[in-house]
C-alpha atoms as a PDB file:
ATOM      1  CA  UNK A   1     -50.288 -19.500 -48.188  1.00  0.00           C
ATOM      2  CA  UNK A   2     -49.450 -23.097 -47.491  1.00  0.00           C
ATOM      3  CA  UNK A   3     -46.410 -23.266 -44.982  1.00  0.00           C
ATOM      4  CA  UNK A   4     -44.262 -25.656 -42.744  1.00  0.00           C
ATOM      5  CA  UNK A   5     -41.493 -25.213 -40.251  1.00  0.00           C
ATOM      6  CA  UNK A   6     -38.347 -27.736 -40.650  1.00  0.00           C
ATOM      7  CA  UNK A   7     -36.806 -28.176 -36.510  1.00  0.00           C
ATOM      8  CA  UNK A   8     -34.796 -30.220 -35.212  1.00  0.00           C
ATOM      9  CA  UNK A   9     -36.276 -31.213 -32.047  1.00  0.00           C
ATOM     10  CA  UNK A  10     -35.706 -34.269 -29.301  1.00  0.00           C
ATOM     11  CA  UNK A  11     -38.188 -35.268 -26.833  1.00  0.00           C
ATOM     12  CA  UNK A  12     -36.471 -34.629 -23.338  1.00  0.00           C
ATOM     13  CA  UNK A  13     -38.553 -37.526 -21.699  1.00  0.00           C
ATOM     14  CA  UNK A  14     -37.193 -40.268 -24.209  1.00  0.00           C
ATOM     15  CA  UNK A  15     -33.733 -38.899 -23.658  1.00  0.00           C
ATOM     16  CA  UNK A  16     -34.222 -39.287 -19.804  1.00  0.00           C
ATOM     17  CA  UNK A  17     -35.550 -42.541 -20.273  1.00  0.00           C
ATOM     18  CA  UNK A  18     -32.971 -43.919 -22.544  1.00  0.00           C
ATOM     19  CA  UNK A  19     -30.269 -42.795 -19.688  1.00  0.00           C
ATOM     20  CA  UNK A  20     -31.795 -44.457 -16.994  1.00  0.00           C
ATOM     21  CA  UNK A  21     -32.251 -47.563 -19.143  1.00  0.00           C
ATOM     22  CA  UNK A  22     -28.429 -47.295 -20.187  1.00  0.00           C
ATOM     23  CA  UNK A  23     -27.358 -46.532 -16.516  1.00  0.00           C
ATOM     24  CA  UNK A  24     -29.309 -49.534 -15.462  1.00  0.00           C
ATOM     25  CA  UNK A  25     -27.881 -51.942 -18.106  1.00  0.00           C
ATOM     26  CA  UNK A  26     -24.264 -50.996 -17.598  1.00  0.00           C
ATOM     27  CA  UNK A  27     -24.921 -51.595 -13.691  1.00  0.00           C
ATOM     28  CA  UNK A  28     -26.493 -54.901 -14.911  1.00  0.00           C
ATOM     29  CA  UNK A  29     -23.382 -56.337 -17.406  1.00  0.00           C
ATOM     30  CA  UNK A  30     -20.709 -58.252 -15.742  1.00  0.00           C
ATOM     31  CA  UNK A  31     -17.943 -56.263 -17.154  1.00  0.00           C
ATOM     32  CA  UNK A  32     -18.950 -53.326 -15.619  1.00  0.00           C
ATOM     33  CA  UNK A  33     -19.147 -54.784 -11.780  1.00  0.00           C
ATOM     34  CA  UNK A  34     -17.096 -52.711  -9.487  1.00  0.00           C
ATOM     35  CA  UNK A  35     -16.536 -49.973 -11.555  1.00  0.00           C
ATOM     36  CA  UNK A  36     -17.605 -46.533 -11.780  1.00  0.00           C
ATOM     37  CA  UNK A  37     -19.125 -46.606 -15.365  1.00  0.00           C
ATOM     38  CA  UNK A  38     -22.998 -44.288 -15.565  1.00  0.00           C
ATOM     39  CA  UNK A  39     -24.304 -41.878 -17.250  1.00  0.00           C
ATOM     40  CA  UNK A  40     -25.429 -38.586 -15.590  1.00  0.00           C
ATOM     41  CA  UNK A  41     -28.273 -36.073 -17.231  1.00  0.00           C
ATOM     42  CA  UNK A  42     -28.243 -32.118 -16.663  1.00  0.00           C
ATOM     43  CA  UNK A  43     -31.141 -30.771 -19.407  1.00  0.00           C
ATOM     44  CA  UNK A  44     -29.355 -31.763 -22.585  1.00  0.00           C
ATOM     45  CA  UNK A  45     -26.020 -32.219 -21.248  1.00  0.00           C
ATOM     46  CA  UNK A  46     -25.374 -35.819 -21.027  1.00  0.00           C
ATOM     47  CA  UNK A  47     -22.087 -36.834 -19.240  1.00  0.00           C
ATOM     48  CA  UNK A  48     -20.679 -40.181 -19.835  1.00  0.00           C
ATOM     49  CA  UNK A  49     -18.327 -41.693 -17.139  1.00  0.00           C
ATOM     50  CA  UNK A  50     -16.147 -44.751 -16.598  1.00  0.00           C
ATOM     51  CA  UNK A  51     -12.873 -46.083 -15.123  1.00  0.00           C
ATOM     52  CA  UNK A  52     -10.839 -45.527 -18.341  1.00  0.00           C
ATOM     53  CA  UNK A  53     -11.344 -45.040 -22.233  1.00  0.00           C
ATOM     54  CA  UNK A  54     -11.991 -48.342 -23.372  1.00  0.00           C
ATOM     55  CA  UNK A  55     -15.030 -48.773 -21.011  1.00  0.00           C
ATOM     56  CA  UNK A  56     -15.906 -45.278 -21.760  1.00  0.00           C
ATOM     57  CA  UNK A  57     -16.582 -46.727 -25.462  1.00  0.00           C
ATOM     58  CA  UNK A  58     -18.835 -49.368 -24.199  1.00  0.00           C
ATOM     59  CA  UNK A  59     -20.560 -47.184 -22.018  1.00  0.00           C
ATOM     60  CA  UNK A  60     -21.390 -44.744 -24.956  1.00  0.00           C
ATOM     61  CA  UNK A  61     -22.219 -47.593 -27.643  1.00  0.00           C
ATOM     62  CA  UNK A  62     -25.032 -48.717 -24.826  1.00  0.00           C
ATOM     63  CA  UNK A  63     -26.180 -45.140 -24.430  1.00  0.00           C
ATOM     64  CA  UNK A  64     -26.441 -44.918 -28.601  1.00  0.00           C
ATOM     65  CA  UNK A  65     -28.340 -47.689 -28.768  1.00  0.00           C
ATOM     66  CA  UNK A  66     -30.661 -47.030 -25.720  1.00  0.00           C
ATOM     67  CA  UNK A  67     -31.662 -43.802 -27.380  1.00  0.00           C
ATOM     68  CA  UNK A  68     -31.989 -45.578 -31.213  1.00  0.00           C
ATOM     69  CA  UNK A  69     -34.562 -47.822 -29.530  1.00  0.00           C
ATOM     70  CA  UNK A  70     -36.363 -45.172 -27.980  1.00  0.00           C
ATOM     71  CA  UNK A  71     -36.306 -42.739 -31.523  1.00  0.00           C
ATOM     72  CA  UNK A  72     -34.205 -40.357 -30.586  1.00  0.00           C
ATOM     73  CA  UNK A  73     -31.410 -39.801 -33.803  1.00  0.00           C
ATOM     74  CA  UNK A  74     -28.453 -39.853 -32.620  1.00  0.00           C
ATOM     75  CA  UNK A  75     -27.017 -37.669 -35.109  1.00  0.00           C
ATOM     76  CA  UNK A  76     -28.197 -34.970 -31.993  1.00  0.00           C
ATOM     77  CA  UNK A  77     -25.374 -35.917 -30.570  1.00  0.00           C
ATOM     78  CA  UNK A  78     -22.332 -34.356 -29.955  1.00  0.00           C
ATOM     79  CA  UNK A  79     -19.589 -35.470 -28.225  1.00  0.00           C
ATOM     80  CA  UNK A  80     -17.087 -33.554 -26.256  1.00  0.00           C
ATOM     81  CA  UNK A  81     -13.441 -33.509 -25.198  1.00  0.00           C
ATOM     82  CA  UNK A  82     -12.378 -36.397 -22.928  1.00  0.00           C
ATOM     83  CA  UNK A  83     -11.081 -35.458 -19.414  1.00  0.00           C
ATOM     84  CA  UNK A  84      -9.320 -37.207 -16.979  1.00  0.00           C
ATOM     85  CA  UNK A  85     -10.830 -37.204 -13.468  1.00  0.00           C
ATOM     86  CA  UNK A  86      -8.586 -39.124 -10.897  1.00  0.00           C
ATOM     87  CA  UNK A  87      -6.210 -41.677 -11.674  1.00  0.00           C
ATOM     88  CA  UNK A  88      -7.472 -43.598 -14.891  1.00  0.00           C
ATOM     89  CA  UNK A  89     -11.258 -42.317 -14.587  1.00  0.00           C
ATOM     90  CA  UNK A  90     -12.275 -40.615 -17.752  1.00  0.00           C
ATOM     91  CA  UNK A  91     -15.641 -38.643 -18.195  1.00  0.00           C
ATOM     92  CA  UNK A  92     -16.835 -37.244 -21.402  1.00  0.00           C
ATOM     93  CA  UNK A  93     -19.789 -34.619 -21.773  1.00  0.00           C
ATOM     94  CA  UNK A  94     -22.165 -35.423 -24.948  1.00  0.00           C
ATOM     95  CA  UNK A  95     -24.698 -32.264 -25.622  1.00  0.00           C
ATOM     96  CA  UNK A  96     -27.451 -33.431 -27.516  1.00  0.00           C
ATOM     97  CA  UNK A  97     -28.506 -30.670 -30.140  1.00  0.00           C
ATOM     98  CA  UNK A  98     -32.094 -28.938 -30.161  1.00  0.00           C
ATOM     99  CA  UNK A  99     -32.310 -26.634 -33.104  1.00  0.00           C
ATOM    100  CA  UNK A 100     -31.500 -25.443 -36.182  1.00  0.00           C
ATOM    101  CA  UNK A 101     -27.750 -23.481 -36.150  1.00  0.00           C
ATOM    102  CA  UNK A 102     -27.933 -20.152 -37.955  1.00  0.00           C
ATOM    103  CA  UNK A 103     -25.351 -21.472 -40.586  1.00  0.00           C
ATOM    104  CA  UNK A 104     -27.203 -24.576 -41.136  1.00  0.00           C
ATOM    105  CA  UNK A 105     -30.214 -22.446 -41.226  1.00  0.00           C
ATOM    106  CA  UNK A 106     -28.967 -20.253 -44.581  1.00  0.00           C
ATOM    107  CA  UNK A 107     -27.364 -23.431 -45.910  1.00  0.00           C
ATOM    108  CA  UNK A 108     -30.907 -25.041 -46.422  1.00  0.00           C
ATOM    109  CA  UNK A 109     -32.517 -21.409 -47.692  1.00  0.00           C
ATOM    110  CA  UNK A 110     -29.925 -21.043 -50.052  1.00  0.00           C
ATOM    111  CA  UNK A 111     -30.828 -24.955 -50.879  1.00  0.00           C
ATOM    112  CA  UNK A 112     -33.953 -23.972 -51.904  1.00  0.00           C
ATOM    113  CA  UNK A 113     -33.414 -20.680 -53.418  1.00  0.00           C
ATOM    114  CA  UNK A 114     -30.980 -22.645 -55.511  1.00  0.00           C
ATOM    115  CA  UNK A 115     -33.475 -25.172 -56.572  1.00  0.00           C
ATOM    116  CA  UNK A 116     -35.713 -22.497 -58.494  1.00  0.00           C
ATOM    117  CA  UNK A 117     -38.480 -23.918 -56.188  1.00  0.00           C
ATOM    118  CA  UNK A 118     -41.692 -21.877 -56.114  1.00  0.00           C
ATOM    119  CA  UNK A 119     -41.549 -21.392 -52.469  1.00  0.00           C
ATOM    120  CA  UNK A 120     -39.470 -18.809 -50.305  1.00  0.00           C
ATOM    121  CA  UNK A 121     -37.452 -20.335 -46.938  1.00  0.00           C
ATOM    122  CA  UNK A 122     -37.144 -17.802 -43.818  1.00  0.00           C
ATOM    123  CA  UNK A 123     -35.170 -18.024 -40.747  1.00  0.00           C
ATOM    124  CA  UNK A 124     -37.152 -17.732 -37.581  1.00  0.00           C
ATOM    125  CA  UNK A 125     -34.562 -17.918 -34.191  1.00  0.00           C
ATOM    126  CA  UNK A 126     -33.970 -21.821 -34.406  1.00  0.00           C
ATOM    127  CA  UNK A 127     -36.594 -23.425 -37.097  1.00  0.00           C
ATOM    128  CA  UNK A 128     -36.815 -22.405 -40.820  1.00  0.00           C
ATOM    129  CA  UNK A 129     -40.063 -21.502 -42.415  1.00  0.00           C
ATOM    130  CA  UNK A 130     -41.284 -22.506 -46.089  1.00  0.00           C
ATOM    131  CA  UNK A 131     -44.077 -21.060 -47.532  1.00  0.00           C
ATOM    132  CA  UNK A 132     -45.523 -21.173 -50.794  1.00  0.00           C
ATOM    133  CA  UNK A 133     -48.355 -21.476 -53.472  1.00  0.00           C
ATOM    134  CA  UNK A 134     -48.888 -25.279 -53.743  1.00  0.00           C
ATOM    135  CA  UNK A 135     -48.593 -28.153 -51.880  1.00  0.00           C
ATOM    136  CA  UNK A 136     -46.880 -29.565 -54.455  1.00  0.00           C
ATOM    137  CA  UNK A 137     -44.067 -27.078 -54.462  1.00  0.00           C
ATOM    138  CA  UNK A 138     -43.537 -27.445 -50.833  1.00  0.00           C
ATOM    139  CA  UNK A 139     -43.309 -31.216 -50.806  1.00  0.00           C
ATOM    140  CA  UNK A 140     -40.784 -30.930 -53.329  1.00  0.00           C
ATOM    141  CA  UNK A 141     -38.951 -28.852 -51.016  1.00  0.00           C
ATOM    142  CA  UNK A 142     -39.322 -31.497 -48.384  1.00  0.00           C
ATOM    143  CA  UNK A 143     -37.459 -33.909 -50.570  1.00  0.00           C
ATOM    144  CA  UNK A 144     -34.932 -31.795 -51.180  1.00  0.00           C
ATOM    145  CA  UNK A 145     -34.134 -30.757 -47.760  1.00  0.00           C
ATOM    146  CA  UNK A 146     -34.373 -34.379 -46.973  1.00  0.00           C
ATOM    147  CA  UNK A 147     -31.910 -35.508 -49.584  1.00  0.00           C
ATOM    148  CA  UNK A 148     -29.501 -32.799 -49.097  1.00  0.00           C
ATOM    149  CA  UNK A 149     -29.170 -32.557 -45.335  1.00  0.00           C
ATOM    150  CA  UNK A 150     -27.911 -35.437 -43.844  1.00  0.00           C
ATOM    151  CA  UNK A 151     -25.803 -34.454 -40.561  1.00  0.00           C
ATOM    152  CA  UNK A 152     -28.517 -33.284 -38.781  1.00  0.00           C
ATOM    153  CA  UNK A 153     -31.957 -34.904 -37.511  1.00  0.00           C
ATOM    154  CA  UNK A 154     -34.764 -32.775 -39.651  1.00  0.00           C
ATOM    155  CA  UNK A 155     -38.311 -32.469 -38.583  1.00  0.00           C
ATOM    156  CA  UNK A 156     -40.926 -31.031 -40.825  1.00  0.00           C
ATOM    157  CA  UNK A 157     -43.922 -29.739 -38.916  1.00  0.00           C
ATOM    158  CA  UNK A 158     -46.950 -27.317 -38.629  1.00  0.00           C
ATOM    159  CA  UNK A 159     -47.678 -27.663 -42.151  1.00  0.00           C
ATOM    160  CA  UNK A 160     -50.746 -25.362 -42.703  1.00  0.00           C
ATOM    161  CA  UNK A 161     -52.746 -24.776 -45.983  1.00  0.00           C
END
């Protein structure tokens, strides 16, 4: 029976490269001379440091630009709360979302069921598996999900005949 998986993933190496490029650009920019502006990475949590909130916004913009150039969808970023460190210095954790949350997966399965397509969806951990009798039905399901789920970057992988 033909099937495919719906996942939300990021290339960790590309994220690391984007962080390194963002740090290099911040280090070379004139408006950041003498400041403690940088981005640190611990697995899938990036921490943005800056001297004040304005510079934090600028560093975040540089980071987003570098991620976009490396084909990492910025919708997978989830900014945390702004924290003051010492004096005026601030930091902000930014989580890189990987996988489809349970609520979102239920929403996708319900969406496909309500569309009355001849396919079935099942939640398997942090991915959704769609299976059906015909390839055309699976392609219709892909188009439906692509058009209606816009707040999360989705990839369609493991297409099997």
